[in-house]
Structure formats: structure tokens, C-alpha cells
Amino acid sequence: MGAFDFVTEELGSALDYKRKRRKPAPRLWFAGIDPGKKGFVSIVDLTDRPSVILSEPMAVLDSGKGPNYDLPGMWRLIQRLQAESVVGVVLEQQHAYPGQGVTSVFGLGYAYGMLSAMLTAAEVPFEIVHSSRWKKEMKIKGQGDDPKARKKDGKRRSISTCQGLYPDVDLRPTARARTPSNDKAESLLLATYAGRHLVWN
């Protein structure tokens, strides 16, 4: 082996060593949680091209009244966020609406409180955001003077916007469903909002 070959080999080994030590680019995974009984927990990857990692329905029990949530199931969902090293989570803020039943309000508040506690216990970074705030910034707030028409328009906008961002995702809540789920779409949009509009340490 000549001197030139020896130097070339040593230089190549040094470069290989540096390449091995180079840290991979961080994954920009974010999550959104809609805590309703028909809500979803979703993770999206915004590292390069936006893509869906998972979108799972809220853990609820099959029957019964009141706060009918599956706490071990909810905890497993939160642990999944922890295991995937999600950068940040947006939990949609909940409050009572006019005409909403007492049982419904109590159940939703119960789930909202439990999810907040579980995220804190799992040390997953999260922020609570009111629906009017994130929907305005994501440009999906319903239009119209009539509350029912405005709500319907908002659902339509959520689904169409989500389909535009993630054209490959199936927005049906189950394989047997025929129509896309507004709740599933909004959990994905919440996750997208987390990555686009919030700053995480």
C-alpha cells in the first residue's frame, strides 16, 4: 500500500466515523385530542410531507350512563403519545353549551379533567386550546347567522380541510361507516394546529 492509499483510507475512516456520530433530524410529531365520547386521539408527522401516524377513537365503554369512559384505555392512549416522543399535544378546551344535558356536561368535563391529569402524569407537553381559537387560525370556523347552519358548515369545512391536508386518510370512524367523521377530522386538525401555531420548548 502506498502512502497516498494509506492517507486516503485513514481519511475515509474518519469521515465514516463522523457520519456515524451525526444525530438524526428530530421527528416533528404532534397530537390532537378531542375528548368527546365520539372524539379521537390523532398523531401527525409534520417533519417533511404531512402524514398521519395514527388516529384512534376515544376509549369509552359500550354501555351505561354518566362518565362512561374507559380509564385504562385512556391511559394507554396517553402512554402511546409518550412512547412515540410526541413534541406537543393540543387538548381541546371543553365547556357547557346552552341546551346541553347535565349528564353530557358532567361526562365531558370528567374526561377533560382525566385527560389533563394523565398528560401531566405522563410528562407529555400539552396545551389546552379553545375551539374558537384553533378553528379560526385553521380557517374552518362555520359561517352563517343561524347556529345550526353555522355548526353544519363548520363540520363540512373540517372534513374538506382535513381531506385536503391528508388525502390518503380514511375519515370514517369505523370500517362499517359510510360517511366521514367530523370528530376524527378535527382531532387531526388539532394535531396539525399544534405543529403549525404553537411553540414547544
C-alpha atoms as a PDB file:
ATOM      1  CA  MET A   1       0.000   0.000   0.000  1.00  0.00           C
ATOM      2  CA  GLY A   2       1.414   3.380  -0.980  1.00  0.00           C
ATOM      3  CA  ALA A   3       1.473   6.459   1.211  1.00  0.00           C
ATOM      4  CA  PHE A   4      -1.344   8.046  -0.804  1.00  0.00           C
ATOM      5  CA  ASP A   5      -3.548   4.957  -0.385  1.00  0.00           C
ATOM      6  CA  PHE A   6      -2.881   4.888   3.343  1.00  0.00           C
ATOM      7  CA  VAL A   7      -3.853   8.567   3.774  1.00  0.00           C
ATOM      8  CA  THR A   8      -6.993   8.054   1.656  1.00  0.00           C
ATOM      9  CA  GLU A   9      -8.049   5.062   3.752  1.00  0.00           C
ATOM     10  CA  GLU A  10      -7.476   6.919   7.019  1.00  0.00           C
ATOM     11  CA  LEU A  11      -9.423   9.941   5.752  1.00  0.00           C
ATOM     12  CA  GLY A  12     -12.301   7.700   4.669  1.00  0.00           C
ATOM     13  CA  SER A  13     -12.420   6.066   8.105  1.00  0.00           C
ATOM     14  CA  ALA A  14     -12.508   9.463   9.805  1.00  0.00           C
ATOM     15  CA  LEU A  15     -15.385  10.615   7.594  1.00  0.00           C
ATOM     16  CA  ASP A  16     -17.289   7.389   8.256  1.00  0.00           C
ATOM     17  CA  TYR A  17     -16.812   7.931  11.983  1.00  0.00           C
ATOM     18  CA  LYS A  18     -18.225  11.438  11.759  1.00  0.00           C
ATOM     19  CA  ARG A  19     -21.185  10.198   9.736  1.00  0.00           C
ATOM     20  CA  LYS A  20     -21.935   7.563  12.338  1.00  0.00           C
ATOM     21  CA  ARG A  21     -21.872  10.144  15.120  1.00  0.00           C
ATOM     22  CA  ARG A  22     -24.179  12.569  13.309  1.00  0.00           C
ATOM     23  CA  LYS A  23     -27.518  12.870  15.112  1.00  0.00           C
ATOM     24  CA  PRO A  24     -30.629  12.144  13.073  1.00  0.00           C
ATOM     25  CA  ALA A  25     -33.031  15.006  12.419  1.00  0.00           C
ATOM     26  CA  PRO A  26     -35.728  15.197  15.119  1.00  0.00           C
ATOM     27  CA  ARG A  27     -39.183  13.885  14.276  1.00  0.00           C
ATOM     28  CA  LEU A  28     -41.824  16.566  14.327  1.00  0.00           C
ATOM     29  CA  TRP A  29     -44.768  14.528  15.583  1.00  0.00           C
ATOM     30  CA  PHE A  30     -47.736  16.318  17.108  1.00  0.00           C
ATOM     31  CA  ALA A  31     -51.030  15.116  18.570  1.00  0.00           C
ATOM     32  CA  GLY A  32     -54.569  16.414  18.905  1.00  0.00           C
ATOM     33  CA  ILE A  33     -57.222  15.207  21.336  1.00  0.00           C
ATOM     34  CA  ASP A  34     -60.964  15.705  21.022  1.00  0.00           C
ATOM     35  CA  PRO A  35     -62.185  14.422  24.419  1.00  0.00           C
ATOM     36  CA  GLY A  36     -65.829  13.800  23.461  1.00  0.00           C
ATOM     37  CA  LYS A  37     -67.281  10.287  23.515  1.00  0.00           C
ATOM     38  CA  LYS A  38     -67.119  10.286  19.726  1.00  0.00           C
ATOM     39  CA  GLY A  39     -63.754  12.038  19.765  1.00  0.00           C
ATOM     40  CA  PHE A  40     -60.372  10.813  18.587  1.00  0.00           C
ATOM     41  CA  VAL A  41     -56.716  10.939  19.550  1.00  0.00           C
ATOM     42  CA  SER A  42     -54.526  11.562  16.497  1.00  0.00           C
ATOM     43  CA  ILE A  43     -50.808  11.906  15.760  1.00  0.00           C
ATOM     44  CA  VAL A  44     -49.476  13.587  12.629  1.00  0.00           C
ATOM     45  CA  ASP A  45     -45.942  13.805  11.275  1.00  0.00           C
ATOM     46  CA  LEU A  46     -45.023  17.299  10.066  1.00  0.00           C
ATOM     47  CA  THR A  47     -41.316  16.575   9.609  1.00  0.00           C
ATOM     48  CA  ASP A  48     -41.494  16.643   5.820  1.00  0.00           C
ATOM     49  CA  ARG A  49     -44.702  15.902   3.949  1.00  0.00           C
ATOM     50  CA  PRO A  50     -47.677  15.950   6.373  1.00  0.00           C
ATOM     51  CA  SER A  51     -48.814  12.414   7.106  1.00  0.00           C
ATOM     52  CA  VAL A  52     -50.998  10.611   9.640  1.00  0.00           C
ATOM     53  CA  ILE A  53     -49.290   8.302  12.133  1.00  0.00           C
ATOM     54  CA  LEU A  54     -52.429   7.173  13.945  1.00  0.00           C
ATOM     55  CA  SER A  55     -55.997   8.216  14.664  1.00  0.00           C
ATOM     56  CA  GLU A  56     -57.807   6.203  17.330  1.00  0.00           C
ATOM     57  CA  PRO A  57     -61.264   6.728  18.860  1.00  0.00           C
ATOM     58  CA  MET A  58     -61.594   7.909  22.426  1.00  0.00           C
ATOM     59  CA  ALA A  59     -61.641   4.990  24.866  1.00  0.00           C
ATOM     60  CA  VAL A  60     -65.242   4.591  26.023  1.00  0.00           C
ATOM     61  CA  LEU A  61     -67.268   1.711  27.444  1.00  0.00           C
ATOM     62  CA  ASP A  62     -70.045   0.130  25.401  1.00  0.00           C
ATOM     63  CA  SER A  63     -73.000   0.892  27.659  1.00  0.00           C
ATOM     64  CA  GLY A  64     -74.133   2.837  30.684  1.00  0.00           C
ATOM     65  CA  LYS A  65     -74.812   6.455  31.563  1.00  0.00           C
ATOM     66  CA  GLY A  66     -72.734   9.226  33.019  1.00  0.00           C
ATOM     67  CA  PRO A  67     -68.935   9.474  32.624  1.00  0.00           C
ATOM     68  CA  ASN A  68     -68.784   6.284  30.587  1.00  0.00           C
ATOM     69  CA  TYR A  69     -65.070   6.422  29.746  1.00  0.00           C
ATOM     70  CA  ASP A  70     -62.572   3.568  29.835  1.00  0.00           C
ATOM     71  CA  LEU A  71     -59.837   4.973  32.103  1.00  0.00           C
ATOM     72  CA  PRO A  72     -57.261   2.204  31.476  1.00  0.00           C
ATOM     73  CA  GLY A  73     -57.904   2.620  27.753  1.00  0.00           C
ATOM     74  CA  MET A  74     -57.448   6.384  28.005  1.00  0.00           C
ATOM     75  CA  TRP A  75     -54.198   5.882  29.886  1.00  0.00           C
ATOM     76  CA  ARG A  76     -52.907   3.519  27.185  1.00  0.00           C
ATOM     77  CA  LEU A  77     -53.611   6.207  24.560  1.00  0.00           C
ATOM     78  CA  ILE A  78     -51.662   8.771  26.579  1.00  0.00           C
ATOM     79  CA  GLN A  79     -48.792   6.323  27.061  1.00  0.00           C
ATOM     80  CA  ARG A  80     -48.718   5.880  23.288  1.00  0.00           C
ATOM     81  CA  LEU A  81     -48.109   9.616  22.913  1.00  0.00           C
ATOM     82  CA  GLN A  82     -45.303   9.323  25.461  1.00  0.00           C
ATOM     83  CA  ALA A  83     -43.737   6.298  23.739  1.00  0.00           C
ATOM     84  CA  GLU A  84     -43.778   7.999  20.343  1.00  0.00           C
ATOM     85  CA  SER A  85     -41.969  11.061  21.798  1.00  0.00           C
ATOM     86  CA  VAL A  86     -44.647  13.437  20.554  1.00  0.00           C
ATOM     87  CA  VAL A  87     -43.324  17.002  20.589  1.00  0.00           C
ATOM     88  CA  GLY A  88     -46.587  18.572  21.762  1.00  0.00           C
ATOM     89  CA  VAL A  89     -50.285  17.877  22.205  1.00  0.00           C
ATOM     90  CA  VAL A  90     -53.337  20.094  21.899  1.00  0.00           C
ATOM     91  CA  LEU A  91     -56.272  19.155  24.111  1.00  0.00           C
ATOM     92  CA  GLU A  92     -59.440  20.956  23.062  1.00  0.00           C
ATOM     93  CA  GLN A  93     -60.896  23.017  25.900  1.00  0.00           C
ATOM     94  CA  GLN A  94     -64.370  21.925  26.977  1.00  0.00           C
ATOM     95  CA  HIS A  95     -67.257  23.926  28.412  1.00  0.00           C
ATOM     96  CA  ALA A  96     -71.028  23.716  28.676  1.00  0.00           C
ATOM     97  CA  TYR A  97     -73.226  24.865  25.788  1.00  0.00           C
ATOM     98  CA  PRO A  98     -76.800  26.198  26.058  1.00  0.00           C
ATOM     99  CA  GLY A  99     -79.276  23.338  25.986  1.00  0.00           C
ATOM    100  CA  GLN A 100     -76.659  20.682  26.734  1.00  0.00           C
ATOM    101  CA  GLY A 101     -77.818  17.968  29.154  1.00  0.00           C
ATOM    102  CA  VAL A 102     -76.398  17.768  32.676  1.00  0.00           C
ATOM    103  CA  THR A 103     -75.215  14.167  32.195  1.00  0.00           C
ATOM    104  CA  SER A 104     -73.464  15.079  28.950  1.00  0.00           C
ATOM    105  CA  VAL A 105     -71.745  18.093  30.525  1.00  0.00           C
ATOM    106  CA  PHE A 106     -70.601  16.088  33.531  1.00  0.00           C
ATOM    107  CA  GLY A 107     -69.259  13.237  31.406  1.00  0.00           C
ATOM    108  CA  LEU A 108     -67.356  15.531  29.076  1.00  0.00           C
ATOM    109  CA  GLY A 109     -65.905  17.505  31.994  1.00  0.00           C
ATOM    110  CA  TYR A 110     -64.860  14.259  33.632  1.00  0.00           C
ATOM    111  CA  ALA A 111     -62.986  13.074  30.529  1.00  0.00           C
ATOM    112  CA  TYR A 112     -61.430  16.504  30.029  1.00  0.00           C
ATOM    113  CA  GLY A 113     -60.117  16.545  33.593  1.00  0.00           C
ATOM    114  CA  MET A 114     -58.830  12.971  33.445  1.00  0.00           C
ATOM    115  CA  LEU A 115     -57.003  13.563  30.154  1.00  0.00           C
ATOM    116  CA  SER A 116     -55.360  16.701  31.554  1.00  0.00           C
ATOM    117  CA  ALA A 117     -54.216  14.751  34.610  1.00  0.00           C
ATOM    118  CA  MET A 118     -52.940  11.810  32.545  1.00  0.00           C
ATOM    119  CA  LEU A 119     -50.968  14.043  30.179  1.00  0.00           C
ATOM    120  CA  THR A 120     -49.401  15.749  33.201  1.00  0.00           C
ATOM    121  CA  ALA A 121     -48.589  12.410  34.863  1.00  0.00           C
ATOM    122  CA  ALA A 122     -47.012  11.074  31.653  1.00  0.00           C
ATOM    123  CA  GLU A 123     -44.995  14.317  31.306  1.00  0.00           C
ATOM    124  CA  VAL A 124     -46.269  14.838  27.763  1.00  0.00           C
ATOM    125  CA  PRO A 125     -46.104  18.537  26.765  1.00  0.00           C
ATOM    126  CA  PHE A 126     -49.618  19.791  26.099  1.00  0.00           C
ATOM    127  CA  GLU A 127     -51.628  22.957  25.741  1.00  0.00           C
ATOM    128  CA  ILE A 128     -55.346  23.484  26.209  1.00  0.00           C
ATOM    129  CA  VAL A 129     -56.865  25.477  23.355  1.00  0.00           C
ATOM    130  CA  HIS A 130     -60.441  26.715  22.945  1.00  0.00           C
ATOM    131  CA  SER A 131     -62.218  25.556  19.790  1.00  0.00           C
ATOM    132  CA  SER A 132     -62.904  29.123  18.597  1.00  0.00           C
ATOM    133  CA  ARG A 133     -59.176  29.906  18.676  1.00  0.00           C
ATOM    134  CA  TRP A 134     -57.796  26.943  16.757  1.00  0.00           C
ATOM    135  CA  LYS A 135     -60.690  26.806  14.281  1.00  0.00           C
ATOM    136  CA  LYS A 136     -60.221  30.469  13.439  1.00  0.00           C
ATOM    137  CA  GLU A 137     -56.487  30.013  12.814  1.00  0.00           C
ATOM    138  CA  MET A 138     -57.094  26.852  10.756  1.00  0.00           C
ATOM    139  CA  LYS A 139     -59.835  28.706   8.818  1.00  0.00           C
ATOM    140  CA  ILE A 140     -62.572  26.141   9.459  1.00  0.00           C
ATOM    141  CA  LYS A 141     -64.932  28.232  11.572  1.00  0.00           C
ATOM    142  CA  GLY A 142     -68.512  27.846  10.323  1.00  0.00           C
ATOM    143  CA  GLN A 143     -70.247  30.778   8.658  1.00  0.00           C
ATOM    144  CA  GLY A 144     -73.866  31.932   8.818  1.00  0.00           C
ATOM    145  CA  ASP A 145     -76.353  33.626  11.146  1.00  0.00           C
ATOM    146  CA  ASP A 146     -78.256  30.512  12.187  1.00  0.00           C
ATOM    147  CA  PRO A 147     -76.391  28.478  14.876  1.00  0.00           C
ATOM    148  CA  LYS A 148     -77.394  25.130  13.368  1.00  0.00           C
ATOM    149  CA  ALA A 149     -76.357  26.182   9.867  1.00  0.00           C
ATOM    150  CA  ARG A 150     -73.082  27.580  11.233  1.00  0.00           C
ATOM    151  CA  LYS A 151     -72.347  24.325  13.044  1.00  0.00           C
ATOM    152  CA  LYS A 152     -73.114  22.273   9.937  1.00  0.00           C
ATOM    153  CA  ASP A 153     -70.900  24.491   7.801  1.00  0.00           C
ATOM    154  CA  GLY A 154     -68.086  24.162  10.345  1.00  0.00           C
ATOM    155  CA  LYS A 155     -68.270  20.366  10.174  1.00  0.00           C
ATOM    156  CA  ARG A 156     -68.176  20.475   6.383  1.00  0.00           C
ATOM    157  CA  ARG A 157     -65.138  22.741   6.457  1.00  0.00           C
ATOM    158  CA  SER A 158     -63.339  20.488   8.955  1.00  0.00           C
ATOM    159  CA  ILE A 159     -63.779  17.421   6.780  1.00  0.00           C
ATOM    160  CA  SER A 160     -62.847  19.128   3.494  1.00  0.00           C
ATOM    161  CA  THR A 161     -59.789  20.833   5.003  1.00  0.00           C
ATOM    162  CA  CYS A 162     -58.578  17.587   6.545  1.00  0.00           C
ATOM    163  CA  GLN A 163     -59.073  15.725   3.258  1.00  0.00           C
ATOM    164  CA  GLY A 164     -57.017  18.393   1.520  1.00  0.00           C
ATOM    165  CA  LEU A 165     -54.147  18.047   4.002  1.00  0.00           C
ATOM    166  CA  TYR A 166     -54.261  14.257   4.279  1.00  0.00           C
ATOM    167  CA  PRO A 167     -55.832  12.920   1.051  1.00  0.00           C
ATOM    168  CA  ASP A 168     -54.898   9.316   1.836  1.00  0.00           C
ATOM    169  CA  VAL A 169     -56.532   9.111   5.265  1.00  0.00           C
ATOM    170  CA  ASP A 170     -59.855   7.351   5.772  1.00  0.00           C
ATOM    171  CA  LEU A 171     -62.010   9.717   7.836  1.00  0.00           C
ATOM    172  CA  ARG A 172     -64.735   7.189   8.531  1.00  0.00           C
ATOM    173  CA  PRO A 173     -64.994   6.467  12.283  1.00  0.00           C
ATOM    174  CA  THR A 174     -65.218   2.708  11.618  1.00  0.00           C
ATOM    175  CA  ALA A 175     -64.790   0.406   8.631  1.00  0.00           C
ATOM    176  CA  ARG A 176     -68.564  -0.100   8.521  1.00  0.00           C
ATOM    177  CA  ALA A 177     -69.394   3.611   8.498  1.00  0.00           C
ATOM    178  CA  ARG A 178     -70.463   5.260   5.246  1.00  0.00           C
ATOM    179  CA  THR A 179     -69.690   8.888   5.971  1.00  0.00           C
ATOM    180  CA  PRO A 180     -66.552  10.684   7.227  1.00  0.00           C
ATOM    181  CA  SER A 181     -66.347  11.662  10.880  1.00  0.00           C
ATOM    182  CA  ASN A 182     -66.111  15.334  11.740  1.00  0.00           C
ATOM    183  CA  ASP A 183     -64.660  14.350  15.144  1.00  0.00           C
ATOM    184  CA  LYS A 184     -61.851  12.341  13.544  1.00  0.00           C
ATOM    185  CA  ALA A 185     -61.113  15.173  11.124  1.00  0.00           C
ATOM    186  CA  GLU A 186     -60.955  17.709  13.937  1.00  0.00           C
ATOM    187  CA  SER A 187     -58.541  15.631  16.022  1.00  0.00           C
ATOM    188  CA  LEU A 188     -56.198  15.548  13.011  1.00  0.00           C
ATOM    189  CA  LEU A 189     -56.610  19.285  12.515  1.00  0.00           C
ATOM    190  CA  LEU A 190     -55.906  19.847  16.224  1.00  0.00           C
ATOM    191  CA  ALA A 191     -52.643  17.939  15.809  1.00  0.00           C
ATOM    192  CA  THR A 192     -51.801  19.981  12.706  1.00  0.00           C
ATOM    193  CA  TYR A 193     -52.586  23.175  14.594  1.00  0.00           C
ATOM    194  CA  ALA A 194     -50.215  22.047  17.372  1.00  0.00           C
ATOM    195  CA  GLY A 195     -47.330  21.850  14.938  1.00  0.00           C
ATOM    196  CA  ARG A 196     -48.133  24.960  12.924  1.00  0.00           C
ATOM    197  CA  HIS A 197     -49.183  27.529  15.503  1.00  0.00           C
ATOM    198  CA  LEU A 198     -47.708  26.607  18.883  1.00  0.00           C
ATOM    199  CA  VAL A 199     -44.130  26.880  20.127  1.00  0.00           C
ATOM    200  CA  TRP A 200     -42.792  23.964  22.167  1.00  0.00           C
ATOM    201  CA  ASN A 201     -39.681  24.031  24.355  1.00  0.00           C
END
